[in-house]
PDB file of N, CA and C in Angstrom:
ATOM      1  N   UNK A   1       4.149  -2.629 -28.906  1.00  0.00           N
ATOM      2  CA  UNK A   1       3.821  -2.399 -27.516  1.00  0.00           C
ATOM      3  C   UNK A   1       3.620  -3.752 -26.839  1.00  0.00           C
ATOM      4  N   UNK A   2       4.445  -4.053 -25.846  1.00  0.00           N
ATOM      5  CA  UNK A   2       4.392  -5.329 -25.138  1.00  0.00           C
ATOM      6  C   UNK A   2       3.383  -5.245 -24.000  1.00  0.00           C
ATOM      7  N   UNK A   3       2.343  -6.034 -24.114  1.00  0.00           N
ATOM      8  CA  UNK A   3       1.308  -6.104 -23.083  1.00  0.00           C
ATOM      9  C   UNK A   3       1.587  -7.336 -22.226  1.00  0.00           C
ATOM     10  N   UNK A   4       1.592  -7.146 -20.913  1.00  0.00           N
ATOM     11  CA  UNK A   4       1.860  -8.239 -19.979  1.00  0.00           C
ATOM     12  C   UNK A   4       0.593  -8.618 -19.237  1.00  0.00           C
ATOM     13  N   UNK A   5       0.661  -9.762 -18.577  1.00  0.00           N
ATOM     14  CA  UNK A   5      -0.396 -10.190 -17.668  1.00  0.00           C
ATOM     15  C   UNK A   5       0.250 -10.466 -16.313  1.00  0.00           C
ATOM     16  N   UNK A   6      -0.422 -10.036 -15.251  1.00  0.00           N
ATOM     17  CA  UNK A   6       0.029 -10.315 -13.899  1.00  0.00           C
ATOM     18  C   UNK A   6      -1.101 -10.946 -13.110  1.00  0.00           C
ATOM     19  N   UNK A   7      -0.779 -11.988 -12.340  1.00  0.00           N
ATOM     20  CA  UNK A   7      -1.798 -12.718 -11.580  1.00  0.00           C
ATOM     21  C   UNK A   7      -1.328 -12.866 -10.132  1.00  0.00           C
ATOM     22  N   UNK A   8      -2.238 -12.606  -9.213  1.00  0.00           N
ATOM     23  CA  UNK A   8      -1.986 -12.826  -7.784  1.00  0.00           C
ATOM     24  C   UNK A   8      -3.075 -13.756  -7.260  1.00  0.00           C
ATOM     25  N   UNK A   9      -2.657 -14.787  -6.525  1.00  0.00           N
ATOM     26  CA  UNK A   9      -3.595 -15.711  -5.886  1.00  0.00           C
ATOM     27  C   UNK A   9      -3.405 -15.607  -4.380  1.00  0.00           C
ATOM     28  N   UNK A  10      -4.525 -15.508  -3.658  1.00  0.00           N
ATOM     29  CA  UNK A  10      -4.477 -15.389  -2.205  1.00  0.00           C
ATOM     30  C   UNK A  10      -5.378 -16.436  -1.560  1.00  0.00           C
ATOM     31  N   UNK A  11      -5.257 -16.552  -0.241  1.00  0.00           N
ATOM     32  CA  UNK A  11      -6.092 -17.491   0.504  1.00  0.00           C
ATOM     33  C   UNK A  11      -7.485 -16.942   0.774  1.00  0.00           C
ATOM     34  N   UNK A  12      -7.632 -15.606   0.843  1.00  0.00           N
ATOM     35  CA  UNK A  12      -8.908 -15.034   1.265  1.00  0.00           C
ATOM     36  C   UNK A  12      -9.392 -13.972   0.281  1.00  0.00           C
ATOM     37  N   UNK A  13     -10.696 -13.750   0.295  1.00  0.00           N
ATOM     38  CA  UNK A  13     -11.266 -12.708  -0.556  1.00  0.00           C
ATOM     39  C   UNK A  13     -10.817 -11.302  -0.152  1.00  0.00           C
ATOM     40  N   UNK A  14     -10.774 -10.953   1.139  1.00  0.00           N
ATOM     41  CA  UNK A  14     -10.311  -9.602   1.478  1.00  0.00           C
ATOM     42  C   UNK A  14      -8.904  -9.307   0.955  1.00  0.00           C
ATOM     43  N   UNK A  15      -8.036 -10.295   0.972  1.00  0.00           N
ATOM     44  CA  UNK A  15      -6.670 -10.080   0.474  1.00  0.00           C
ATOM     45  C   UNK A  15      -6.661  -9.843  -1.031  1.00  0.00           C
ATOM     46  N   UNK A  16      -7.457 -10.604  -1.771  1.00  0.00           N
ATOM     47  CA  UNK A  16      -7.480 -10.411  -3.228  1.00  0.00           C
ATOM     48  C   UNK A  16      -8.166  -9.090  -3.577  1.00  0.00           C
ATOM     49  N   UNK A  17      -9.136  -8.682  -2.783  1.00  0.00           N
ATOM     50  CA  UNK A  17      -9.786  -7.392  -2.998  1.00  0.00           C
ATOM     51  C   UNK A  17      -8.791  -6.253  -2.754  1.00  0.00           C
ATOM     52  N   UNK A  18      -8.041  -6.353  -1.669  1.00  0.00           N
ATOM     53  CA  UNK A  18      -7.026  -5.336  -1.376  1.00  0.00           C
ATOM     54  C   UNK A  18      -5.969  -5.297  -2.472  1.00  0.00           C
ATOM     55  N   UNK A  19      -5.565  -6.466  -2.959  1.00  0.00           N
ATOM     56  CA  UNK A  19      -4.573  -6.528  -4.028  1.00  0.00           C
ATOM     57  C   UNK A  19      -5.101  -5.883  -5.301  1.00  0.00           C
ATOM     58  N   UNK A  20      -6.327  -6.215  -5.686  1.00  0.00           N
ATOM     59  CA  UNK A  20      -6.911  -5.656  -6.901  1.00  0.00           C
ATOM     60  C   UNK A  20      -7.034  -4.144  -6.816  1.00  0.00           C
ATOM     61  N   UNK A  21      -7.488  -3.660  -5.684  1.00  0.00           N
ATOM     62  CA  UNK A  21      -7.642  -2.219  -5.491  1.00  0.00           C
ATOM     63  C   UNK A  21      -6.288  -1.510  -5.595  1.00  0.00           C
ATOM     64  N   UNK A  22      -5.296  -2.048  -4.930  1.00  0.00           N
ATOM     65  CA  UNK A  22      -3.960  -1.438  -4.958  1.00  0.00           C
ATOM     66  C   UNK A  22      -3.363  -1.482  -6.361  1.00  0.00           C
ATOM     67  N   UNK A  23      -3.604  -2.559  -7.088  1.00  0.00           N
ATOM     68  CA  UNK A  23      -3.031  -2.717  -8.426  1.00  0.00           C
ATOM     69  C   UNK A  23      -3.565  -1.666  -9.399  1.00  0.00           C
ATOM     70  N   UNK A  24      -4.875  -1.474  -9.403  1.00  0.00           N
ATOM     71  CA  UNK A  24      -5.436  -0.520 -10.364  1.00  0.00           C
ATOM     72  C   UNK A  24      -5.183   0.926  -9.954  1.00  0.00           C
ATOM     73  N   UNK A  25      -4.910   1.155  -8.670  1.00  0.00           N
ATOM     74  CA  UNK A  25      -4.593   2.511  -8.214  1.00  0.00           C
ATOM     75  C   UNK A  25      -3.117   2.852  -8.420  1.00  0.00           C
ATOM     76  N   UNK A  26      -2.247   1.843  -8.407  1.00  0.00           N
ATOM     77  CA  UNK A  26      -0.807   2.083  -8.462  1.00  0.00           C
ATOM     78  C   UNK A  26      -0.269   2.227  -9.881  1.00  0.00           C
ATOM     79  N   UNK A  27      -0.984   1.694 -10.869  1.00  0.00           N
ATOM     80  CA  UNK A  27      -0.442   1.690 -12.226  1.00  0.00           C
ATOM     81  C   UNK A  27      -1.577   1.702 -13.246  1.00  0.00           C
ATOM     82  N   UNK A  28      -1.200   1.994 -14.487  1.00  0.00           N
ATOM     83  CA  UNK A  28      -2.180   2.010 -15.575  1.00  0.00           C
ATOM     84  C   UNK A  28      -2.376   0.580 -16.093  1.00  0.00           C
ATOM     85  N   UNK A  29      -3.179  -0.187 -15.360  1.00  0.00           N
ATOM     86  CA  UNK A  29      -3.494  -1.565 -15.732  1.00  0.00           C
ATOM     87  C   UNK A  29      -5.006  -1.747 -15.751  1.00  0.00           C
ATOM     88  N   UNK A  30      -5.440  -2.794 -16.421  1.00  0.00           N
ATOM     89  CA  UNK A  30      -6.854  -3.132 -16.487  1.00  0.00           C
ATOM     90  C   UNK A  30      -7.074  -4.465 -15.792  1.00  0.00           C
ATOM     91  N   UNK A  31      -7.998  -4.504 -14.847  1.00  0.00           N
ATOM     92  CA  UNK A  31      -8.368  -5.754 -14.194  1.00  0.00           C
ATOM     93  C   UNK A  31      -9.206  -6.544 -15.197  1.00  0.00           C
ATOM     94  N   UNK A  32      -8.708  -7.714 -15.609  1.00  0.00           N
ATOM     95  CA  UNK A  32      -9.409  -8.485 -16.636  1.00  0.00           C
ATOM     96  C   UNK A  32     -10.106  -9.720 -16.105  1.00  0.00           C
ATOM     97  N   UNK A  33      -9.714 -10.196 -14.921  1.00  0.00           N
ATOM     98  CA  UNK A  33     -10.334 -11.423 -14.421  1.00  0.00           C
ATOM     99  C   UNK A  33     -10.198 -11.521 -12.913  1.00  0.00           C
ATOM    100  N   UNK A  34     -11.267 -11.964 -12.272  1.00  0.00           N
ATOM    101  CA  UNK A  34     -11.255 -12.356 -10.867  1.00  0.00           C
ATOM    102  C   UNK A  34     -12.048 -13.648 -10.803  1.00  0.00           C
ATOM    103  N   UNK A  35     -11.580 -14.599 -10.015  1.00  0.00           N
ATOM    104  CA  UNK A  35     -12.313 -15.851  -9.879  1.00  0.00           C
ATOM    105  C   UNK A  35     -11.775 -16.613  -8.683  1.00  0.00           C
ATOM    106  N   UNK A  36     -12.457 -17.703  -8.361  1.00  0.00           N
ATOM    107  CA  UNK A  36     -11.965 -18.622  -7.347  1.00  0.00           C
ATOM    108  C   UNK A  36     -11.175 -19.714  -8.043  1.00  0.00           C
ATOM    109  N   UNK A  37     -10.101 -20.128  -7.391  1.00  0.00           N
ATOM    110  CA  UNK A  37      -9.319 -21.232  -7.923  1.00  0.00           C
ATOM    111  C   UNK A  37      -9.452 -22.414  -6.970  1.00  0.00           C
ATOM    112  N   UNK A  38      -8.536 -23.335  -7.027  1.00  0.00           N
ATOM    113  CA  UNK A  38      -8.600 -24.541  -6.207  1.00  0.00           C
ATOM    114  C   UNK A  38      -8.702 -24.234  -4.715  1.00  0.00           C
ATOM    115  N   UNK A  39      -9.392 -25.055  -4.001  1.00  0.00           N
ATOM    116  CA  UNK A  39      -9.493 -25.007  -2.538  1.00  0.00           C
ATOM    117  C   UNK A  39     -10.005 -23.676  -2.009  1.00  0.00           C
ATOM    118  N   UNK A  40     -10.820 -22.981  -2.785  1.00  0.00           N
ATOM    119  CA  UNK A  40     -11.411 -21.732  -2.328  1.00  0.00           C
ATOM    120  C   UNK A  40     -10.488 -20.533  -2.382  1.00  0.00           C
ATOM    121  N   UNK A  41      -9.306 -20.693  -2.924  1.00  0.00           N
ATOM    122  CA  UNK A  41      -8.416 -19.545  -3.075  1.00  0.00           C
ATOM    123  C   UNK A  41      -8.999 -18.594  -4.108  1.00  0.00           C
ATOM    124  N   UNK A  42      -8.538 -17.353  -4.061  1.00  0.00           N
ATOM    125  CA  UNK A  42      -9.037 -16.316  -4.964  1.00  0.00           C
ATOM    126  C   UNK A  42      -7.874 -15.833  -5.833  1.00  0.00           C
ATOM    127  N   UNK A  43      -8.159 -15.452  -7.094  1.00  0.00           N
ATOM    128  CA  UNK A  43      -7.103 -14.855  -7.896  1.00  0.00           C
ATOM    129  C   UNK A  43      -7.632 -13.677  -8.684  1.00  0.00           C
ATOM    130  N   UNK A  44      -6.729 -12.773  -9.024  1.00  0.00           N
ATOM    131  CA  UNK A  44      -7.044 -11.596  -9.802  1.00  0.00           C
ATOM    132  C   UNK A  44      -5.965 -11.451 -10.871  1.00  0.00           C
ATOM    133  N   UNK A  45      -6.371 -11.079 -12.093  1.00  0.00           N
ATOM    134  CA  UNK A  45      -5.438 -10.891 -13.199  1.00  0.00           C
ATOM    135  C   UNK A  45      -5.583  -9.483 -13.754  1.00  0.00           C
ATOM    136  N   UNK A  46      -4.443  -8.859 -14.046  1.00  0.00           N
ATOM    137  CA  UNK A  46      -4.424  -7.528 -14.660  1.00  0.00           C
ATOM    138  C   UNK A  46      -3.605  -7.579 -15.929  1.00  0.00           C
ATOM    139  N   UNK A  47      -3.917  -6.655 -16.851  1.00  0.00           N
ATOM    140  CA  UNK A  47      -3.172  -6.526 -18.111  1.00  0.00           C
ATOM    141  C   UNK A  47      -2.737  -5.083 -18.275  1.00  0.00           C
ATOM    142  N   UNK A  48      -1.642  -4.890 -18.964  1.00  0.00           N
ATOM    143  CA  UNK A  48      -1.129  -3.563 -19.252  1.00  0.00           C
ATOM    144  C   UNK A  48       0.290  -3.656 -19.774  1.00  0.00           C
ATOM    145  N   UNK A  49       0.922  -2.510 -19.940  1.00  0.00           N
ATOM    146  CA  UNK A  49       2.317  -2.501 -20.360  1.00  0.00           C
ATOM    147  C   UNK A  49       3.172  -3.202 -19.309  1.00  0.00           C
ATOM    148  N   UNK A  50       4.265  -3.796 -19.741  1.00  0.00           N
ATOM    149  CA  UNK A  50       5.095  -4.601 -18.840  1.00  0.00           C
ATOM    150  C   UNK A  50       5.503  -3.818 -17.593  1.00  0.00           C
ATOM    151  N   UNK A  51       6.011  -2.611 -17.749  1.00  0.00           N
ATOM    152  CA  UNK A  51       6.447  -1.814 -16.600  1.00  0.00           C
ATOM    153  C   UNK A  51       5.281  -1.490 -15.676  1.00  0.00           C
ATOM    154  N   UNK A  52       4.114  -1.233 -16.239  1.00  0.00           N
ATOM    155  CA  UNK A  52       2.939  -0.919 -15.429  1.00  0.00           C
ATOM    156  C   UNK A  52       2.474  -2.149 -14.645  1.00  0.00           C
ATOM    157  N   UNK A  53       2.495  -3.309 -15.278  1.00  0.00           N
ATOM    158  CA  UNK A  53       2.085  -4.539 -14.590  1.00  0.00           C
ATOM    159  C   UNK A  53       3.052  -4.844 -13.450  1.00  0.00           C
ATOM    160  N   UNK A  54       4.356  -4.641 -13.673  1.00  0.00           N
ATOM    161  CA  UNK A  54       5.330  -4.858 -12.598  1.00  0.00           C
ATOM    162  C   UNK A  54       5.047  -3.938 -11.412  1.00  0.00           C
ATOM    163  N   UNK A  55       4.774  -2.665 -11.690  1.00  0.00           N
ATOM    164  CA  UNK A  55       4.456  -1.715 -10.613  1.00  0.00           C
ATOM    165  C   UNK A  55       3.168  -2.123  -9.904  1.00  0.00           C
ATOM    166  N   UNK A  56       2.162  -2.532 -10.672  1.00  0.00           N
ATOM    167  CA  UNK A  56       0.886  -2.945 -10.085  1.00  0.00           C
ATOM    168  C   UNK A  56       1.056  -4.186  -9.217  1.00  0.00           C
ATOM    169  N   UNK A  57       1.841  -5.133  -9.674  1.00  0.00           N
ATOM    170  CA  UNK A  57       2.045  -6.360  -8.903  1.00  0.00           C
ATOM    171  C   UNK A  57       2.742  -6.074  -7.576  1.00  0.00           C
ATOM    172  N   UNK A  58       3.731  -5.186  -7.579  1.00  0.00           N
ATOM    173  CA  UNK A  58       4.403  -4.826  -6.331  1.00  0.00           C
ATOM    174  C   UNK A  58       3.404  -4.250  -5.334  1.00  0.00           C
ATOM    175  N   UNK A  59       2.552  -3.347  -5.807  1.00  0.00           N
ATOM    176  CA  UNK A  59       1.549  -2.739  -4.931  1.00  0.00           C
ATOM    177  C   UNK A  59       0.523  -3.771  -4.470  1.00  0.00           C
ATOM    178  N   UNK A  60       0.088  -4.639  -5.363  1.00  0.00           N
ATOM    179  CA  UNK A  60      -0.897  -5.658  -5.015  1.00  0.00           C
ATOM    180  C   UNK A  60      -0.376  -6.655  -4.002  1.00  0.00           C
ATOM    181  N   UNK A  61       0.871  -7.072  -4.169  1.00  0.00           N
ATOM    182  CA  UNK A  61       1.457  -8.011  -3.215  1.00  0.00           C
ATOM    183  C   UNK A  61       1.608  -7.379  -1.839  1.00  0.00           C
ATOM    184  N   UNK A  62       2.025  -6.131  -1.801  1.00  0.00           N
ATOM    185  CA  UNK A  62       2.159  -5.431  -0.515  1.00  0.00           C
ATOM    186  C   UNK A  62       0.806  -5.278   0.163  1.00  0.00           C
ATOM    187  N   UNK A  63      -0.223  -4.934  -0.603  1.00  0.00           N
ATOM    188  CA  UNK A  63      -1.555  -4.752  -0.030  1.00  0.00           C
ATOM    189  C   UNK A  63      -2.123  -6.067   0.486  1.00  0.00           C
ATOM    190  N   UNK A  64      -1.943  -7.147  -0.270  1.00  0.00           N
ATOM    191  CA  UNK A  64      -2.457  -8.445   0.174  1.00  0.00           C
ATOM    192  C   UNK A  64      -1.741  -8.919   1.431  1.00  0.00           C
ATOM    193  N   UNK A  65      -0.434  -8.721   1.489  1.00  0.00           N
ATOM    194  CA  UNK A  65       0.324  -9.130   2.669  1.00  0.00           C
ATOM    195  C   UNK A  65      -0.031  -8.304   3.900  1.00  0.00           C
ATOM    196  N   UNK A  66      -0.494  -7.076   3.681  1.00  0.00           N
ATOM    197  CA  UNK A  66      -0.837  -6.193   4.804  1.00  0.00           C
ATOM    198  C   UNK A  66      -2.212  -6.479   5.393  1.00  0.00           C
ATOM    199  N   UNK A  67      -3.005  -7.321   4.735  1.00  0.00           N
ATOM    200  CA  UNK A  67      -4.340  -7.645   5.258  1.00  0.00           C
ATOM    201  C   UNK A  67      -4.218  -8.410   6.571  1.00  0.00           C
ATOM    202  N   UNK A  68      -5.064  -8.059   7.549  1.00  0.00           N
ATOM    203  CA  UNK A  68      -5.009  -8.775   8.831  1.00  0.00           C
ATOM    204  C   UNK A  68      -5.548 -10.195   8.691  1.00  0.00           C
ATOM    205  N   UNK A  69      -5.116 -11.050   9.568  1.00  0.00           N
ATOM    206  CA  UNK A  69      -5.594 -12.426   9.557  1.00  0.00           C
ATOM    207  C   UNK A  69      -4.768 -13.296   8.630  1.00  0.00           C
ATOM    208  N   UNK A  70      -5.399 -14.355   8.152  1.00  0.00           N
ATOM    209  CA  UNK A  70      -4.703 -15.332   7.317  1.00  0.00           C
ATOM    210  C   UNK A  70      -4.768 -14.946   5.842  1.00  0.00           C
ATOM    211  N   UNK A  71      -4.353 -13.745   5.537  1.00  0.00           N
ATOM    212  CA  UNK A  71      -4.413 -13.243   4.157  1.00  0.00           C
ATOM    213  C   UNK A  71      -3.105 -13.542   3.448  1.00  0.00           C
ATOM    214  N   UNK A  72      -2.858 -14.782   3.216  1.00  0.00           N
ATOM    215  CA  UNK A  72      -1.591 -15.218   2.657  1.00  0.00           C
ATOM    216  C   UNK A  72      -1.636 -15.233   1.127  1.00  0.00           C
ATOM    217  N   UNK A  73      -0.625 -14.638   0.510  1.00  0.00           N
ATOM    218  CA  UNK A  73      -0.470 -14.741  -0.944  1.00  0.00           C
ATOM    219  C   UNK A  73       0.107 -16.119  -1.214  1.00  0.00           C
ATOM    220  N   UNK A  74      -0.603 -16.912  -1.999  1.00  0.00           N
ATOM    221  CA  UNK A  74      -0.129 -18.272  -2.268  1.00  0.00           C
ATOM    222  C   UNK A  74       0.807 -18.316  -3.466  1.00  0.00           C
ATOM    223  N   UNK A  75       0.561 -17.487  -4.468  1.00  0.00           N
ATOM    224  CA  UNK A  75       1.436 -17.456  -5.637  1.00  0.00           C
ATOM    225  C   UNK A  75       1.171 -16.194  -6.445  1.00  0.00           C
ATOM    226  N   UNK A  76       2.118 -15.865  -7.300  1.00  0.00           N
ATOM    227  CA  UNK A  76       1.955 -14.723  -8.194  1.00  0.00           C
ATOM    228  C   UNK A  76       2.907 -14.890  -9.369  1.00  0.00           C
ATOM    229  N   UNK A  77       2.569 -14.235 -10.488  1.00  0.00           N
ATOM    230  CA  UNK A  77       3.403 -14.331 -11.682  1.00  0.00           C
ATOM    231  C   UNK A  77       3.142 -13.144 -12.594  1.00  0.00           C
ATOM    232  N   UNK A  78       4.173 -12.763 -13.338  1.00  0.00           N
ATOM    233  CA  UNK A  78       4.057 -11.778 -14.410  1.00  0.00           C
ATOM    234  C   UNK A  78       4.536 -12.455 -15.679  1.00  0.00           C
ATOM    235  N   UNK A  79       3.730 -12.388 -16.726  1.00  0.00           N
ATOM    236  CA  UNK A  79       4.123 -12.932 -18.026  1.00  0.00           C
ATOM    237  C   UNK A  79       4.143 -11.787 -19.024  1.00  0.00           C
ATOM    238  N   UNK A  80       5.329 -11.359 -19.442  1.00  0.00           N
ATOM    239  CA  UNK A  80       5.394 -10.295 -20.432  1.00  0.00           C
ATOM    240  C   UNK A  80       5.060 -10.835 -21.826  1.00  0.00           C
ATOM    241  N   UNK A  81       4.202 -10.123 -22.524  1.00  0.00           N
ATOM    242  CA  UNK A  81       3.860 -10.441 -23.911  1.00  0.00           C
ATOM    243  C   UNK A  81       3.463 -11.906 -24.123  1.00  0.00           C
ATOM    244  N   UNK A  82       2.372 -12.362 -23.490  1.00  0.00           N
ATOM    245  CA  UNK A  82       1.963 -13.756 -23.660  1.00  0.00           C
ATOM    246  C   UNK A  82       1.574 -14.045 -25.108  1.00  0.00           C
ATOM    247  N   UNK A  83       1.809 -15.262 -25.526  1.00  0.00           N
ATOM    248  CA  UNK A  83       1.487 -15.684 -26.889  1.00  0.00           C
ATOM    249  C   UNK A  83      -0.025 -15.625 -27.145  1.00  0.00           C
ATOM    250  N   UNK A  84      -0.390 -15.452 -28.381  1.00  0.00           N
ATOM    251  CA  UNK A  84      -1.804 -15.339 -28.782  1.00  0.00           C
ATOM    252  C   UNK A  84      -2.593 -16.578 -28.372  1.00  0.00           C
ATOM    253  N   UNK A  85      -1.977 -17.750 -28.467  1.00  0.00           N
ATOM    254  CA  UNK A  85      -2.653 -18.991 -28.100  1.00  0.00           C
ATOM    255  C   UNK A  85      -3.019 -19.004 -26.619  1.00  0.00           C
ATOM    256  N   UNK A  86      -2.143 -18.471 -25.773  1.00  0.00           N
ATOM    257  CA  UNK A  86      -2.427 -18.417 -24.336  1.00  0.00           C
ATOM    258  C   UNK A  86      -3.622 -17.519 -24.076  1.00  0.00           C
ATOM    259  N   UNK A  87      -3.667 -16.369 -24.756  1.00  0.00           N
ATOM    260  CA  UNK A  87      -4.796 -15.451 -24.584  1.00  0.00           C
ATOM    261  C   UNK A  87      -6.103 -16.083 -25.038  1.00  0.00           C
ATOM    262  N   UNK A  88      -6.062 -16.933 -26.059  1.00  0.00           N
ATOM    263  CA  UNK A  88      -7.273 -17.554 -26.579  1.00  0.00           C
ATOM    264  C   UNK A  88      -7.815 -18.640 -25.650  1.00  0.00           C
ATOM    265  N   UNK A  89      -6.943 -19.274 -24.881  1.00  0.00           N
ATOM    266  CA  UNK A  89      -7.350 -20.423 -24.072  1.00  0.00           C
ATOM    267  C   UNK A  89      -7.571 -20.065 -22.608  1.00  0.00           C
ATOM    268  N   UNK A  90      -6.683 -19.267 -22.031  1.00  0.00           N
ATOM    269  CA  UNK A  90      -6.785 -18.944 -20.613  1.00  0.00           C
ATOM    270  C   UNK A  90      -7.589 -17.667 -20.388  1.00  0.00           C
ATOM    271  N   UNK A  91      -8.163 -17.493 -19.213  1.00  0.00           N
ATOM    272  CA  UNK A  91      -9.027 -16.331 -18.956  1.00  0.00           C
ATOM    273  C   UNK A  91      -8.248 -15.048 -18.646  1.00  0.00           C
ATOM    274  N   UNK A  92      -7.437 -14.583 -19.615  1.00  0.00           N
ATOM    275  CA  UNK A  92      -6.655 -13.368 -19.398  1.00  0.00           C
ATOM    276  C   UNK A  92      -6.946 -12.314 -20.453  1.00  0.00           C
ATOM    277  N   UNK A  93      -7.890 -12.577 -21.348  1.00  0.00           N
ATOM    278  CA  UNK A  93      -8.161 -11.638 -22.430  1.00  0.00           C
ATOM    279  C   UNK A  93      -9.009 -10.471 -21.931  1.00  0.00           C
ATOM    280  N   UNK A  94      -8.941  -9.380 -22.672  1.00  0.00           N
ATOM    281  CA  UNK A  94      -9.830  -8.260 -22.385  1.00  0.00           C
ATOM    282  C   UNK A  94     -11.243  -8.688 -22.769  1.00  0.00           C
ATOM    283  N   UNK A  95     -12.197  -8.477 -21.881  1.00  0.00           N
ATOM    284  CA  UNK A  95     -13.583  -8.873 -22.107  1.00  0.00           C
ATOM    285  C   UNK A  95     -14.429  -7.632 -22.370  1.00  0.00           C
ATOM    286  N   UNK A  96     -15.658  -7.806 -22.837  1.00  0.00           N
ATOM    287  CA  UNK A  96     -16.529  -6.638 -22.997  1.00  0.00           C
ATOM    288  C   UNK A  96     -16.715  -5.876 -21.685  1.00  0.00           C
ATOM    289  N   UNK A  97     -16.688  -6.588 -20.550  1.00  0.00           N
ATOM    290  CA  UNK A  97     -16.838  -5.917 -19.259  1.00  0.00           C
ATOM    291  C   UNK A  97     -15.596  -5.083 -18.906  1.00  0.00           C
ATOM    292  N   UNK A  98     -14.416  -5.534 -19.342  1.00  0.00           N
ATOM    293  CA  UNK A  98     -13.186  -4.812 -19.004  1.00  0.00           C
ATOM    294  C   UNK A  98     -12.803  -3.768 -20.040  1.00  0.00           C
ATOM    295  N   UNK A  99     -13.378  -3.828 -21.236  1.00  0.00           N
ATOM    296  CA  UNK A  99     -13.027  -2.903 -22.314  1.00  0.00           C
ATOM    297  C   UNK A  99     -13.162  -1.411 -21.920  1.00  0.00           C
ATOM    298  N   UNK A 100     -14.229  -0.999 -21.221  1.00  0.00           N
ATOM    299  CA  UNK A 100     -14.320   0.428 -20.871  1.00  0.00           C
ATOM    300  C   UNK A 100     -13.182   0.919 -19.977  1.00  0.00           C
ATOM    301  N   UNK A 101     -12.498  -0.008 -19.300  1.00  0.00           N
ATOM    302  CA  UNK A 101     -11.441   0.364 -18.374  1.00  0.00           C
ATOM    303  C   UNK A 101     -10.054   0.139 -18.933  1.00  0.00           C
ATOM    304  N   UNK A 102      -9.976  -0.295 -20.194  1.00  0.00           N
ATOM    305  CA  UNK A 102      -8.697  -0.582 -20.821  1.00  0.00           C
ATOM    306  C   UNK A 102      -7.870   0.689 -20.905  1.00  0.00           C
ATOM    307  N   UNK A 103      -6.664   0.662 -20.340  1.00  0.00           N
ATOM    308  CA  UNK A 103      -5.799   1.849 -20.329  1.00  0.00           C
ATOM    309  C   UNK A 103      -4.612   1.647 -21.230  1.00  0.00           C
TER     310      UNK A 103
END
């Protein structure tokens, strides 16, 4: 079973909130990380099956772009089946907080 990771970075918190909400509603994915990145930008990461992450990312990008104001998506990526070393180093692993929501 190939588990992917999808990440969306936006300029504003409302946009990343809208993206996260749309992502978990549109597909069977687990939100594993939210944080601030450089220059106050916000990012959200989801994990799930590759097809589910692709569907979630489409919904998340549409929701973030639909936010009023300067809700600009700065970048996004889907990585299918990331290597074990990447999961150990970067903040994309399932955490105790995300485990109850793992789908």
